[in-house]
Amino acid sequence: MAIDSNGRSAPSMIGTCWRSFRDLKAGSAGLVIGLFIIGGAIFGPFLAPVPPTDFVGSPFDLPSPYAFLGTDFMGRDVFSRVLSGGVQILGLSAVATVAGVLIGTLLGIICGYLKGKTDDVIMRLLDVAMAFPQTVLALLFVSIVGPKLWLIAILVAAIHAPQVARVMRSVALRVAEEDYIRYAEAIGVSTTRIITREILPNLAAPLMVELGLRFSYSIALIAGLGFLGLMADPSVPDWGMMINENRIGLLLNPWAVAAPVLILAVLTIGTNVFTDSLARTKRGMPAAAVDDTISDEIPAGQVAGFGNGPGAGKGRL
């Protein structure tokens, strides 16, 4: 069992994530707002008063009892389309964010731990990838291959990965110099176990922050593609596409444009407030101690050091 400087069990990555949410204070409002909108997007299609493709009135009717937010450019219920328009954009954003952050984190840890030529080659390739205008690159591939959902997810993930890798590399470089990492190397712990059991738990805080920030950016980018009409199926409600479709009737029924704009803005602000608060909360957090593998391989009675940062010390096993 892993031991910290006071002889207690070392925190796992799950425990670190839980303490991050428990200790969060200022970002609670942002978290509640984000979860409320995400929950509304998930259950919205079941709560919509009418199917989002049904015609309920004339184009750009003002709000009325039969159309809570009025109608859009084709006479469809804006409220029903708003409730049904978040599944696609949030689902794509979540998949692209998780994939991009995972790939970027893996590359960042490899570069930060192995260093040398491996670091140089990978980081130079990532620099080349970051040199291309991201939105223009996404538009280029979508225009060539077509508006495919899987392509949009891959493109957004590929945009995130180099940026996440640079952040994680800087953290991994610091963690790789800790004494417990050197001790793990000295007793012959494999590189894979050092990366997964020693370095990765110390990246929990920046990893959660990156997830929140990249999720906000994914929403903005995918909504922008929807605004340009590059989503896979134009008949499927989409907040970004709704803004483009109804902007011609902004003066007739502003809610057809204002509703999706407000939802996207509030969701982005709430996510940013939450991640910013999370980053502030985790500043100065002590690094995790050694893992189960190391502690199991230390002979009984031997004294081992556990890092040189806050909370560092020695423990006798």
C-alpha atoms as a PDB file:
ATOM      1  CA  MET A   1       0.000   0.000   0.000  1.00  0.00           C
ATOM      2  CA  ALA A   2       1.312   3.457  -0.872  1.00  0.00           C
ATOM      3  CA  ILE A   3       2.548   5.513   2.097  1.00  0.00           C
ATOM      4  CA  ASP A   4       2.809   9.265   2.431  1.00  0.00           C
ATOM      5  CA  SER A   5       5.093  11.297   4.683  1.00  0.00           C
ATOM      6  CA  ASN A   6       2.853  10.701   7.719  1.00  0.00           C
ATOM      7  CA  GLY A   7       2.543   6.975   7.201  1.00  0.00           C
ATOM      8  CA  ARG A   8      -0.960   7.183   5.759  1.00  0.00           C
ATOM      9  CA  SER A   9      -2.242   5.739   2.505  1.00  0.00           C
ATOM     10  CA  ALA A  10      -1.283   7.828  -0.526  1.00  0.00           C
ATOM     11  CA  PRO A  11      -4.186   9.448  -2.348  1.00  0.00           C
ATOM     12  CA  SER A  12      -5.336   7.780  -5.529  1.00  0.00           C
ATOM     13  CA  MET A  13      -6.271   9.672  -8.678  1.00  0.00           C
ATOM     14  CA  ILE A  14      -9.967   9.098  -7.921  1.00  0.00           C
ATOM     15  CA  GLY A  15      -9.496  10.459  -4.422  1.00  0.00           C
ATOM     16  CA  THR A  16      -7.671  13.481  -5.802  1.00  0.00           C
ATOM     17  CA  CYS A  17     -10.534  14.221  -8.214  1.00  0.00           C
ATOM     18  CA  TRP A  18     -13.088  13.833  -5.416  1.00  0.00           C
ATOM     19  CA  ARG A  19     -11.239  16.286  -3.153  1.00  0.00           C
ATOM     20  CA  SER A  20     -11.076  18.735  -6.063  1.00  0.00           C
ATOM     21  CA  PHE A  21     -14.865  18.801  -6.333  1.00  0.00           C
ATOM     22  CA  ARG A  22     -15.362  18.756  -2.547  1.00  0.00           C
ATOM     23  CA  ASP A  23     -13.031  21.699  -1.952  1.00  0.00           C
ATOM     24  CA  LEU A  24     -14.498  23.706  -4.807  1.00  0.00           C
ATOM     25  CA  LYS A  25     -16.405  26.778  -3.593  1.00  0.00           C
ATOM     26  CA  ALA A  26     -16.398  29.715  -5.979  1.00  0.00           C
ATOM     27  CA  GLY A  27     -17.024  27.501  -8.990  1.00  0.00           C
ATOM     28  CA  SER A  28     -20.138  25.848  -7.573  1.00  0.00           C
ATOM     29  CA  ALA A  29     -22.416  28.242  -9.450  1.00  0.00           C
ATOM     30  CA  GLY A  30     -20.622  27.530 -12.721  1.00  0.00           C
ATOM     31  CA  LEU A  31     -20.866  23.796 -12.104  1.00  0.00           C
ATOM     32  CA  VAL A  32     -24.584  23.996 -11.358  1.00  0.00           C
ATOM     33  CA  ILE A  33     -25.236  26.089 -14.471  1.00  0.00           C
ATOM     34  CA  GLY A  34     -23.252  23.724 -16.666  1.00  0.00           C
ATOM     35  CA  LEU A  35     -24.931  20.601 -15.287  1.00  0.00           C
ATOM     36  CA  PHE A  36     -28.357  22.217 -15.622  1.00  0.00           C
ATOM     37  CA  ILE A  37     -27.841  22.990 -19.308  1.00  0.00           C
ATOM     38  CA  ILE A  38     -26.250  19.620 -20.025  1.00  0.00           C
ATOM     39  CA  GLY A  39     -29.091  17.861 -18.223  1.00  0.00           C
ATOM     40  CA  GLY A  40     -31.601  19.935 -20.182  1.00  0.00           C
ATOM     41  CA  ALA A  41     -29.901  18.964 -23.431  1.00  0.00           C
ATOM     42  CA  ILE A  42     -30.009  15.271 -22.512  1.00  0.00           C
ATOM     43  CA  PHE A  43     -33.628  15.154 -21.347  1.00  0.00           C
ATOM     44  CA  GLY A  44     -34.871  18.043 -23.483  1.00  0.00           C
ATOM     45  CA  PRO A  45     -36.058  15.906 -26.411  1.00  0.00           C
ATOM     46  CA  PHE A  46     -38.361  14.038 -24.002  1.00  0.00           C
ATOM     47  CA  LEU A  47     -39.713  17.305 -22.558  1.00  0.00           C
ATOM     48  CA  ALA A  48     -40.343  19.116 -25.846  1.00  0.00           C
ATOM     49  CA  PRO A  49     -44.039  19.943 -26.222  1.00  0.00           C
ATOM     50  CA  VAL A  50     -44.027  19.046 -29.932  1.00  0.00           C
ATOM     51  CA  PRO A  51     -41.583  17.252 -32.234  1.00  0.00           C
ATOM     52  CA  PRO A  52     -38.882  19.696 -33.391  1.00  0.00           C
ATOM     53  CA  THR A  53     -39.766  19.152 -37.065  1.00  0.00           C
ATOM     54  CA  ASP A  54     -43.494  19.866 -36.733  1.00  0.00           C
ATOM     55  CA  PHE A  55     -44.967  23.079 -38.129  1.00  0.00           C
ATOM     56  CA  VAL A  56     -46.995  24.954 -35.534  1.00  0.00           C
ATOM     57  CA  GLY A  57     -47.521  28.362 -37.161  1.00  0.00           C
ATOM     58  CA  SER A  58     -46.314  30.899 -39.665  1.00  0.00           C
ATOM     59  CA  PRO A  59     -42.611  31.777 -39.983  1.00  0.00           C
ATOM     60  CA  PHE A  60     -41.272  33.972 -37.201  1.00  0.00           C
ATOM     61  CA  ASP A  61     -44.446  34.154 -35.138  1.00  0.00           C
ATOM     62  CA  LEU A  62     -43.953  35.864 -31.790  1.00  0.00           C
ATOM     63  CA  PRO A  63     -44.250  33.860 -28.541  1.00  0.00           C
ATOM     64  CA  SER A  64     -47.750  32.553 -27.925  1.00  0.00           C
ATOM     65  CA  PRO A  65     -49.499  29.808 -25.910  1.00  0.00           C
ATOM     66  CA  TYR A  66     -48.868  27.261 -28.665  1.00  0.00           C
ATOM     67  CA  ALA A  67     -45.241  28.324 -29.191  1.00  0.00           C
ATOM     68  CA  PHE A  68     -43.542  29.440 -25.984  1.00  0.00           C
ATOM     69  CA  LEU A  69     -40.618  31.130 -27.818  1.00  0.00           C
ATOM     70  CA  GLY A  70     -42.395  31.697 -31.107  1.00  0.00           C
ATOM     71  CA  THR A  71     -41.586  29.987 -34.389  1.00  0.00           C
ATOM     72  CA  ASP A  72     -38.527  29.839 -36.619  1.00  0.00           C
ATOM     73  CA  PHE A  73     -38.086  30.612 -40.327  1.00  0.00           C
ATOM     74  CA  MET A  74     -40.182  27.563 -41.290  1.00  0.00           C
ATOM     75  CA  GLY A  75     -42.885  27.906 -38.648  1.00  0.00           C
ATOM     76  CA  ARG A  76     -41.472  25.277 -36.274  1.00  0.00           C
ATOM     77  CA  ASP A  77     -41.595  25.635 -32.486  1.00  0.00           C
ATOM     78  CA  VAL A  78     -38.404  27.363 -31.320  1.00  0.00           C
ATOM     79  CA  PHE A  79     -38.753  26.073 -27.749  1.00  0.00           C
ATOM     80  CA  SER A  80     -38.960  22.437 -28.883  1.00  0.00           C
ATOM     81  CA  ARG A  81     -35.982  22.885 -31.188  1.00  0.00           C
ATOM     82  CA  VAL A  82     -33.954  24.503 -28.415  1.00  0.00           C
ATOM     83  CA  LEU A  83     -34.711  21.575 -26.089  1.00  0.00           C
ATOM     84  CA  SER A  84     -33.733  19.106 -28.821  1.00  0.00           C
ATOM     85  CA  GLY A  85     -30.767  21.022 -30.250  1.00  0.00           C
ATOM     86  CA  GLY A  86     -28.114  20.274 -27.629  1.00  0.00           C
ATOM     87  CA  VAL A  87     -27.721  16.506 -27.878  1.00  0.00           C
ATOM     88  CA  GLN A  88     -25.638  16.524 -31.044  1.00  0.00           C
ATOM     89  CA  ILE A  89     -23.408  19.474 -30.213  1.00  0.00           C
ATOM     90  CA  LEU A  90     -22.731  18.439 -26.598  1.00  0.00           C
ATOM     91  CA  GLY A  91     -22.222  14.793 -27.530  1.00  0.00           C
ATOM     92  CA  LEU A  92     -19.690  15.665 -30.218  1.00  0.00           C
ATOM     93  CA  SER A  93     -17.983  18.147 -27.878  1.00  0.00           C
ATOM     94  CA  ALA A  94     -17.667  15.560 -25.116  1.00  0.00           C
ATOM     95  CA  VAL A  95     -16.245  12.859 -27.404  1.00  0.00           C
ATOM     96  CA  ALA A  96     -13.799  15.250 -29.086  1.00  0.00           C
ATOM     97  CA  THR A  97     -12.689  16.741 -25.765  1.00  0.00           C
ATOM     98  CA  VAL A  98     -12.045  13.409 -24.064  1.00  0.00           C
ATOM     99  CA  ALA A  99     -10.181  12.037 -27.085  1.00  0.00           C
ATOM    100  CA  GLY A 100      -8.080  15.169 -27.543  1.00  0.00           C
ATOM    101  CA  VAL A 101      -7.193  15.484 -23.857  1.00  0.00           C
ATOM    102  CA  LEU A 102      -6.293  11.801 -23.546  1.00  0.00           C
ATOM    103  CA  ILE A 103      -4.034  11.869 -26.608  1.00  0.00           C
ATOM    104  CA  GLY A 104      -2.464  15.170 -25.568  1.00  0.00           C
ATOM    105  CA  THR A 105      -1.894  13.954 -22.007  1.00  0.00           C
ATOM    106  CA  LEU A 106      -0.237  10.764 -23.215  1.00  0.00           C
ATOM    107  CA  LEU A 107       2.067  12.662 -25.558  1.00  0.00           C
ATOM    108  CA  GLY A 108       2.848  15.245 -22.877  1.00  0.00           C
ATOM    109  CA  ILE A 109       3.772  12.634 -20.283  1.00  0.00           C
ATOM    110  CA  ILE A 110       5.958  10.734 -22.756  1.00  0.00           C
ATOM    111  CA  CYS A 111       7.800  13.913 -23.713  1.00  0.00           C
ATOM    112  CA  GLY A 112       8.124  15.145 -20.144  1.00  0.00           C
ATOM    113  CA  TYR A 113       9.390  11.855 -18.773  1.00  0.00           C
ATOM    114  CA  LEU A 114      11.542  10.449 -21.565  1.00  0.00           C
ATOM    115  CA  LYS A 115      12.970  13.807 -22.712  1.00  0.00           C
ATOM    116  CA  GLY A 116      15.863  13.703 -25.194  1.00  0.00           C
ATOM    117  CA  LYS A 117      15.244  12.999 -28.869  1.00  0.00           C
ATOM    118  CA  THR A 118      11.776  11.614 -28.211  1.00  0.00           C
ATOM    119  CA  ASP A 119      10.750  14.916 -26.667  1.00  0.00           C
ATOM    120  CA  ASP A 120      12.327  16.948 -29.471  1.00  0.00           C
ATOM    121  CA  VAL A 121      10.727  14.982 -32.303  1.00  0.00           C
ATOM    122  CA  ILE A 122       7.215  14.853 -30.830  1.00  0.00           C
ATOM    123  CA  MET A 123       7.159  18.491 -29.755  1.00  0.00           C
ATOM    124  CA  ARG A 124       8.437  19.741 -33.118  1.00  0.00           C
ATOM    125  CA  LEU A 125       5.708  17.764 -34.881  1.00  0.00           C
ATOM    126  CA  LEU A 126       3.134  19.234 -32.526  1.00  0.00           C
ATOM    127  CA  ASP A 127       4.500  22.722 -33.202  1.00  0.00           C
ATOM    128  CA  VAL A 128       3.974  22.133 -36.914  1.00  0.00           C
ATOM    129  CA  ALA A 129       0.393  20.989 -36.265  1.00  0.00           C
ATOM    130  CA  MET A 130      -0.309  24.090 -34.170  1.00  0.00           C
ATOM    131  CA  ALA A 131       1.060  26.362 -36.914  1.00  0.00           C
ATOM    132  CA  PHE A 132      -1.983  25.691 -39.132  1.00  0.00           C
ATOM    133  CA  PRO A 133      -5.082  27.865 -38.546  1.00  0.00           C
ATOM    134  CA  GLN A 134      -7.344  25.514 -36.651  1.00  0.00           C
ATOM    135  CA  THR A 135     -10.731  26.654 -37.896  1.00  0.00           C
ATOM    136  CA  VAL A 136      -9.529  26.909 -41.496  1.00  0.00           C
ATOM    137  CA  LEU A 137      -8.053  23.413 -41.259  1.00  0.00           C
ATOM    138  CA  ALA A 138     -11.357  22.014 -39.975  1.00  0.00           C
ATOM    139  CA  LEU A 139     -13.270  23.745 -42.774  1.00  0.00           C
ATOM    140  CA  LEU A 140     -10.835  22.354 -45.346  1.00  0.00           C
ATOM    141  CA  PHE A 141     -11.276  18.718 -44.300  1.00  0.00           C
ATOM    142  CA  VAL A 142     -15.040  19.040 -43.889  1.00  0.00           C
ATOM    143  CA  SER A 143     -15.359  20.572 -47.355  1.00  0.00           C
ATOM    144  CA  ILE A 144     -13.281  17.752 -48.886  1.00  0.00           C
ATOM    145  CA  VAL A 145     -14.685  14.706 -47.064  1.00  0.00           C
ATOM    146  CA  GLY A 146     -18.131  16.065 -46.288  1.00  0.00           C
ATOM    147  CA  PRO A 147     -19.984  16.930 -43.070  1.00  0.00           C
ATOM    148  CA  LYS A 148     -19.462  13.662 -41.201  1.00  0.00           C
ATOM    149  CA  LEU A 149     -19.926  13.536 -37.423  1.00  0.00           C
ATOM    150  CA  TRP A 150     -16.929  11.234 -36.938  1.00  0.00           C
ATOM    151  CA  LEU A 151     -14.761  13.593 -38.985  1.00  0.00           C
ATOM    152  CA  ILE A 152     -15.787  16.613 -36.917  1.00  0.00           C
ATOM    153  CA  ALA A 153     -14.977  14.742 -33.686  1.00  0.00           C
ATOM    154  CA  ILE A 154     -11.555  13.699 -35.015  1.00  0.00           C
ATOM    155  CA  LEU A 155     -10.731  17.211 -36.225  1.00  0.00           C
ATOM    156  CA  VAL A 156     -11.660  18.865 -32.927  1.00  0.00           C
ATOM    157  CA  ALA A 157      -9.717  16.232 -30.976  1.00  0.00           C
ATOM    158  CA  ALA A 158      -6.692  16.776 -33.232  1.00  0.00           C
ATOM    159  CA  ILE A 159      -6.918  20.520 -32.585  1.00  0.00           C
ATOM    160  CA  HIS A 160      -6.909  19.969 -28.813  1.00  0.00           C
ATOM    161  CA  ALA A 161      -4.152  17.366 -28.586  1.00  0.00           C
ATOM    162  CA  PRO A 162      -1.070  19.565 -29.329  1.00  0.00           C
ATOM    163  CA  GLN A 163      -2.173  22.282 -26.907  1.00  0.00           C
ATOM    164  CA  VAL A 164      -2.935  19.814 -24.133  1.00  0.00           C
ATOM    165  CA  ALA A 165       0.380  18.052 -24.757  1.00  0.00           C
ATOM    166  CA  ARG A 166       2.350  21.245 -24.157  1.00  0.00           C
ATOM    167  CA  VAL A 167       0.578  21.891 -20.859  1.00  0.00           C
ATOM    168  CA  MET A 168       0.968  18.315 -19.618  1.00  0.00           C
ATOM    169  CA  ARG A 169       4.586  18.175 -20.705  1.00  0.00           C
ATOM    170  CA  SER A 170       5.441  21.163 -18.521  1.00  0.00           C
ATOM    171  CA  VAL A 171       3.823  19.497 -15.504  1.00  0.00           C
ATOM    172  CA  ALA A 172       5.363  16.104 -16.266  1.00  0.00           C
ATOM    173  CA  LEU A 173       8.838  17.667 -16.493  1.00  0.00           C
ATOM    174  CA  ARG A 174       8.504  18.893 -12.920  1.00  0.00           C
ATOM    175  CA  VAL A 175       7.024  15.664 -11.587  1.00  0.00           C
ATOM    176  CA  ALA A 176       9.689  13.558 -13.313  1.00  0.00           C
ATOM    177  CA  GLU A 177      12.373  15.240 -11.173  1.00  0.00           C
ATOM    178  CA  GLU A 178      10.801  14.224  -7.866  1.00  0.00           C
ATOM    179  CA  ASP A 179      12.738  11.882  -5.603  1.00  0.00           C
ATOM    180  CA  TYR A 180      10.108   9.143  -5.603  1.00  0.00           C
ATOM    181  CA  ILE A 181      10.331   8.952  -9.394  1.00  0.00           C
ATOM    182  CA  ARG A 182      14.088   8.521  -9.195  1.00  0.00           C
ATOM    183  CA  TYR A 183      13.680   5.862  -6.527  1.00  0.00           C
ATOM    184  CA  ALA A 184      11.167   4.003  -8.691  1.00  0.00           C
ATOM    185  CA  GLU A 185      13.678   4.015 -11.530  1.00  0.00           C
ATOM    186  CA  ALA A 186      16.439   2.846  -9.219  1.00  0.00           C
ATOM    187  CA  ILE A 187      14.538  -0.236  -8.038  1.00  0.00           C
ATOM    188  CA  GLY A 188      13.623  -1.193 -11.595  1.00  0.00           C
ATOM    189  CA  VAL A 189       9.948  -0.204 -11.845  1.00  0.00           C
ATOM    190  CA  SER A 190       8.903  -0.270 -15.483  1.00  0.00           C
ATOM    191  CA  THR A 191       8.413   2.923 -17.436  1.00  0.00           C
ATOM    192  CA  THR A 192       4.747   2.121 -18.022  1.00  0.00           C
ATOM    193  CA  ARG A 193       4.039   1.724 -14.317  1.00  0.00           C
ATOM    194  CA  ILE A 194       5.947   4.883 -13.450  1.00  0.00           C
ATOM    195  CA  ILE A 195       3.884   6.837 -15.974  1.00  0.00           C
ATOM    196  CA  THR A 196       0.513   5.365 -14.972  1.00  0.00           C
ATOM    197  CA  ARG A 197       1.018   5.012 -11.208  1.00  0.00           C
ATOM    198  CA  GLU A 198       3.374   7.862 -10.350  1.00  0.00           C
ATOM    199  CA  ILE A 199       3.193  10.668 -12.880  1.00  0.00           C
ATOM    200  CA  LEU A 200      -0.436  10.468 -13.997  1.00  0.00           C
ATOM    201  CA  PRO A 201      -1.999  10.906 -10.495  1.00  0.00           C
ATOM    202  CA  ASN A 202       0.005  14.122 -10.109  1.00  0.00           C
ATOM    203  CA  LEU A 203      -1.615  15.449 -13.286  1.00  0.00           C
ATOM    204  CA  ALA A 204      -5.171  15.093 -11.951  1.00  0.00           C
ATOM    205  CA  ALA A 205      -5.668  18.803 -11.208  1.00  0.00           C
ATOM    206  CA  PRO A 206      -4.347  20.235 -14.515  1.00  0.00           C
ATOM    207  CA  LEU A 207      -6.064  17.388 -16.351  1.00  0.00           C
ATOM    208  CA  MET A 208      -9.485  18.372 -14.987  1.00  0.00           C
ATOM    209  CA  VAL A 209      -8.820  22.014 -15.792  1.00  0.00           C
ATOM    210  CA  GLU A 210      -7.861  21.131 -19.355  1.00  0.00           C
ATOM    211  CA  LEU A 211     -10.990  19.013 -19.741  1.00  0.00           C
ATOM    212  CA  GLY A 212     -13.179  21.958 -18.779  1.00  0.00           C
ATOM    213  CA  LEU A 213     -11.387  24.472 -20.962  1.00  0.00           C
ATOM    214  CA  ARG A 214     -11.234  22.198 -23.986  1.00  0.00           C
ATOM    215  CA  PHE A 215     -14.897  21.292 -23.572  1.00  0.00           C
ATOM    216  CA  SER A 216     -15.817  24.988 -23.782  1.00  0.00           C
ATOM    217  CA  TYR A 217     -13.652  25.406 -26.877  1.00  0.00           C
ATOM    218  CA  SER A 218     -15.174  22.300 -28.464  1.00  0.00           C
ATOM    219  CA  ILE A 219     -18.670  23.689 -27.982  1.00  0.00           C
ATOM    220  CA  ALA A 220     -17.692  26.998 -29.584  1.00  0.00           C
ATOM    221  CA  LEU A 221     -15.936  25.335 -32.526  1.00  0.00           C
ATOM    222  CA  ILE A 222     -18.677  22.789 -33.247  1.00  0.00           C
ATOM    223  CA  ALA A 223     -21.361  25.440 -32.865  1.00  0.00           C
ATOM    224  CA  GLY A 224     -19.422  27.527 -35.383  1.00  0.00           C
ATOM    225  CA  LEU A 225     -19.396  24.638 -37.826  1.00  0.00           C
ATOM    226  CA  GLY A 226     -23.135  24.261 -37.303  1.00  0.00           C
ATOM    227  CA  PHE A 227     -23.608  27.966 -37.966  1.00  0.00           C
ATOM    228  CA  LEU A 228     -21.813  27.504 -41.281  1.00  0.00           C
ATOM    229  CA  GLY A 229     -24.131  24.629 -42.165  1.00  0.00           C
ATOM    230  CA  LEU A 230     -21.441  21.949 -41.974  1.00  0.00           C
ATOM    231  CA  MET A 231     -23.165  19.505 -39.633  1.00  0.00           C
ATOM    232  CA  ALA A 232     -24.011  16.045 -40.928  1.00  0.00           C
ATOM    233  CA  ASP A 233     -27.814  16.295 -41.042  1.00  0.00           C
ATOM    234  CA  PRO A 234     -29.437  19.743 -41.483  1.00  0.00           C
ATOM    235  CA  SER A 235     -32.801  18.326 -40.356  1.00  0.00           C
ATOM    236  CA  VAL A 236     -31.443  17.561 -36.870  1.00  0.00           C
ATOM    237  CA  PRO A 237     -31.865  20.567 -34.519  1.00  0.00           C
ATOM    238  CA  ASP A 238     -28.576  22.200 -33.646  1.00  0.00           C
ATOM    239  CA  TRP A 239     -28.012  25.373 -31.629  1.00  0.00           C
ATOM    240  CA  GLY A 240     -25.336  26.696 -33.968  1.00  0.00           C
ATOM    241  CA  MET A 241     -27.393  25.991 -37.074  1.00  0.00           C
ATOM    242  CA  MET A 242     -30.467  27.610 -35.500  1.00  0.00           C
ATOM    243  CA  ILE A 243     -28.596  30.903 -35.195  1.00  0.00           C
ATOM    244  CA  ASN A 244     -27.743  30.902 -38.893  1.00  0.00           C
ATOM    245  CA  GLU A 245     -31.192  29.786 -40.046  1.00  0.00           C
ATOM    246  CA  ASN A 246     -33.121  32.410 -38.118  1.00  0.00           C
ATOM    247  CA  ARG A 247     -30.859  35.450 -38.301  1.00  0.00           C
ATOM    248  CA  ILE A 248     -32.835  36.773 -41.273  1.00  0.00           C
ATOM    249  CA  GLY A 249     -35.861  37.167 -38.991  1.00  0.00           C
ATOM    250  CA  LEU A 250     -34.045  38.617 -36.002  1.00  0.00           C
ATOM    251  CA  LEU A 251     -36.315  41.677 -35.933  1.00  0.00           C
ATOM    252  CA  LEU A 252     -39.483  39.607 -36.358  1.00  0.00           C
ATOM    253  CA  ASN A 253     -38.878  37.023 -33.616  1.00  0.00           C
ATOM    254  CA  PRO A 254     -35.582  37.638 -31.816  1.00  0.00           C
ATOM    255  CA  TRP A 255     -36.065  34.586 -29.587  1.00  0.00           C
ATOM    256  CA  ALA A 256     -35.351  32.279 -32.526  1.00  0.00           C
ATOM    257  CA  VAL A 257     -31.754  33.561 -32.432  1.00  0.00           C
ATOM    258  CA  ALA A 258     -31.437  34.789 -28.839  1.00  0.00           C
ATOM    259  CA  ALA A 259     -32.406  31.466 -27.210  1.00  0.00           C
ATOM    260  CA  PRO A 260     -29.569  29.317 -28.686  1.00  0.00           C
ATOM    261  CA  VAL A 261     -27.102  32.212 -28.335  1.00  0.00           C
ATOM    262  CA  LEU A 262     -27.917  32.622 -24.634  1.00  0.00           C
ATOM    263  CA  ILE A 263     -27.670  28.890 -23.978  1.00  0.00           C
ATOM    264  CA  LEU A 264     -24.257  28.637 -25.643  1.00  0.00           C
ATOM    265  CA  ALA A 265     -23.006  31.751 -23.862  1.00  0.00           C
ATOM    266  CA  VAL A 266     -24.239  30.713 -20.409  1.00  0.00           C
ATOM    267  CA  LEU A 267     -22.878  27.182 -20.813  1.00  0.00           C
ATOM    268  CA  THR A 268     -19.467  28.477 -21.889  1.00  0.00           C
ATOM    269  CA  ILE A 269     -19.322  31.027 -19.073  1.00  0.00           C
ATOM    270  CA  GLY A 270     -20.416  28.485 -16.472  1.00  0.00           C
ATOM    271  CA  THR A 271     -17.805  25.971 -17.616  1.00  0.00           C
ATOM    272  CA  ASN A 272     -15.065  28.611 -17.634  1.00  0.00           C
ATOM    273  CA  VAL A 273     -15.998  29.844 -14.147  1.00  0.00           C
ATOM    274  CA  PHE A 274     -15.913  26.278 -12.842  1.00  0.00           C
ATOM    275  CA  THR A 275     -12.563  25.402 -14.404  1.00  0.00           C
ATOM    276  CA  ASP A 276     -11.008  28.717 -13.338  1.00  0.00           C
ATOM    277  CA  SER A 277     -12.130  28.113  -9.764  1.00  0.00           C
ATOM    278  CA  LEU A 278     -10.833  24.566  -9.948  1.00  0.00           C
ATOM    279  CA  ALA A 279      -7.438  25.797 -11.102  1.00  0.00           C
ATOM    280  CA  ARG A 280      -7.287  28.295  -8.235  1.00  0.00           C
ATOM    281  CA  THR A 281      -8.347  25.663  -5.717  1.00  0.00           C
ATOM    282  CA  LYS A 282      -5.638  23.211  -6.760  1.00  0.00           C
ATOM    283  CA  ARG A 283      -2.735  25.647  -6.697  1.00  0.00           C
ATOM    284  CA  GLY A 284      -0.103  24.537  -4.232  1.00  0.00           C
ATOM    285  CA  MET A 285      -1.480  21.005  -3.967  1.00  0.00           C
ATOM    286  CA  PRO A 286       1.264  18.600  -2.833  1.00  0.00           C
ATOM    287  CA  ALA A 287       2.310  15.914  -5.217  1.00  0.00           C
ATOM    288  CA  ALA A 288       1.143  12.367  -4.643  1.00  0.00           C
ATOM    289  CA  ALA A 289       3.384   9.950  -2.841  1.00  0.00           C
ATOM    290  CA  VAL A 290       4.787   6.698  -4.179  1.00  0.00           C
ATOM    291  CA  ASP A 291       2.488   4.004  -5.485  1.00  0.00           C
ATOM    292  CA  ASP A 292       1.670   0.473  -4.399  1.00  0.00           C
ATOM    293  CA  THR A 293       4.400  -1.038  -6.542  1.00  0.00           C
ATOM    294  CA  ILE A 294       7.198   0.950  -4.979  1.00  0.00           C
ATOM    295  CA  SER A 295       6.042   0.507  -1.409  1.00  0.00           C
ATOM    296  CA  ASP A 296       5.619  -3.228  -1.915  1.00  0.00           C
ATOM    297  CA  GLU A 297       9.178  -3.530  -3.210  1.00  0.00           C
ATOM    298  CA  ILE A 298      10.831  -1.566  -0.384  1.00  0.00           C
ATOM    299  CA  PRO A 299      12.363  -3.953   2.166  1.00  0.00           C
ATOM    300  CA  ALA A 300      10.791  -3.874   5.622  1.00  0.00           C
ATOM    301  CA  GLY A 301      12.344  -1.284   7.908  1.00  0.00           C
ATOM    302  CA  GLN A 302      13.943   0.720   5.097  1.00  0.00           C
ATOM    303  CA  VAL A 303      13.480   4.483   5.114  1.00  0.00           C
ATOM    304  CA  ALA A 304      12.486   6.046   1.783  1.00  0.00           C
ATOM    305  CA  GLY A 305      12.069   9.690   0.771  1.00  0.00           C
ATOM    306  CA  PHE A 306       8.906  10.868  -0.864  1.00  0.00           C
ATOM    307  CA  GLY A 307       9.571  14.035  -2.853  1.00  0.00           C
ATOM    308  CA  ASN A 308      10.897  17.446  -1.991  1.00  0.00           C
ATOM    309  CA  GLY A 309       7.760  19.591  -2.237  1.00  0.00           C
ATOM    310  CA  PRO A 310       5.147  20.503   0.317  1.00  0.00           C
ATOM    311  CA  GLY A 311       4.301  17.547   2.495  1.00  0.00           C
ATOM    312  CA  ALA A 312       7.468  15.685   1.489  1.00  0.00           C
ATOM    313  CA  GLY A 313       9.178  13.548   4.071  1.00  0.00           C
ATOM    314  CA  LYS A 314      10.183  10.021   4.905  1.00  0.00           C
ATOM    315  CA  GLY A 315       8.294   6.941   5.892  1.00  0.00           C
ATOM    316  CA  ARG A 316       9.421   3.639   7.361  1.00  0.00           C
ATOM    317  CA  LEU A 317       7.849   0.517   5.863  1.00  0.00           C
END
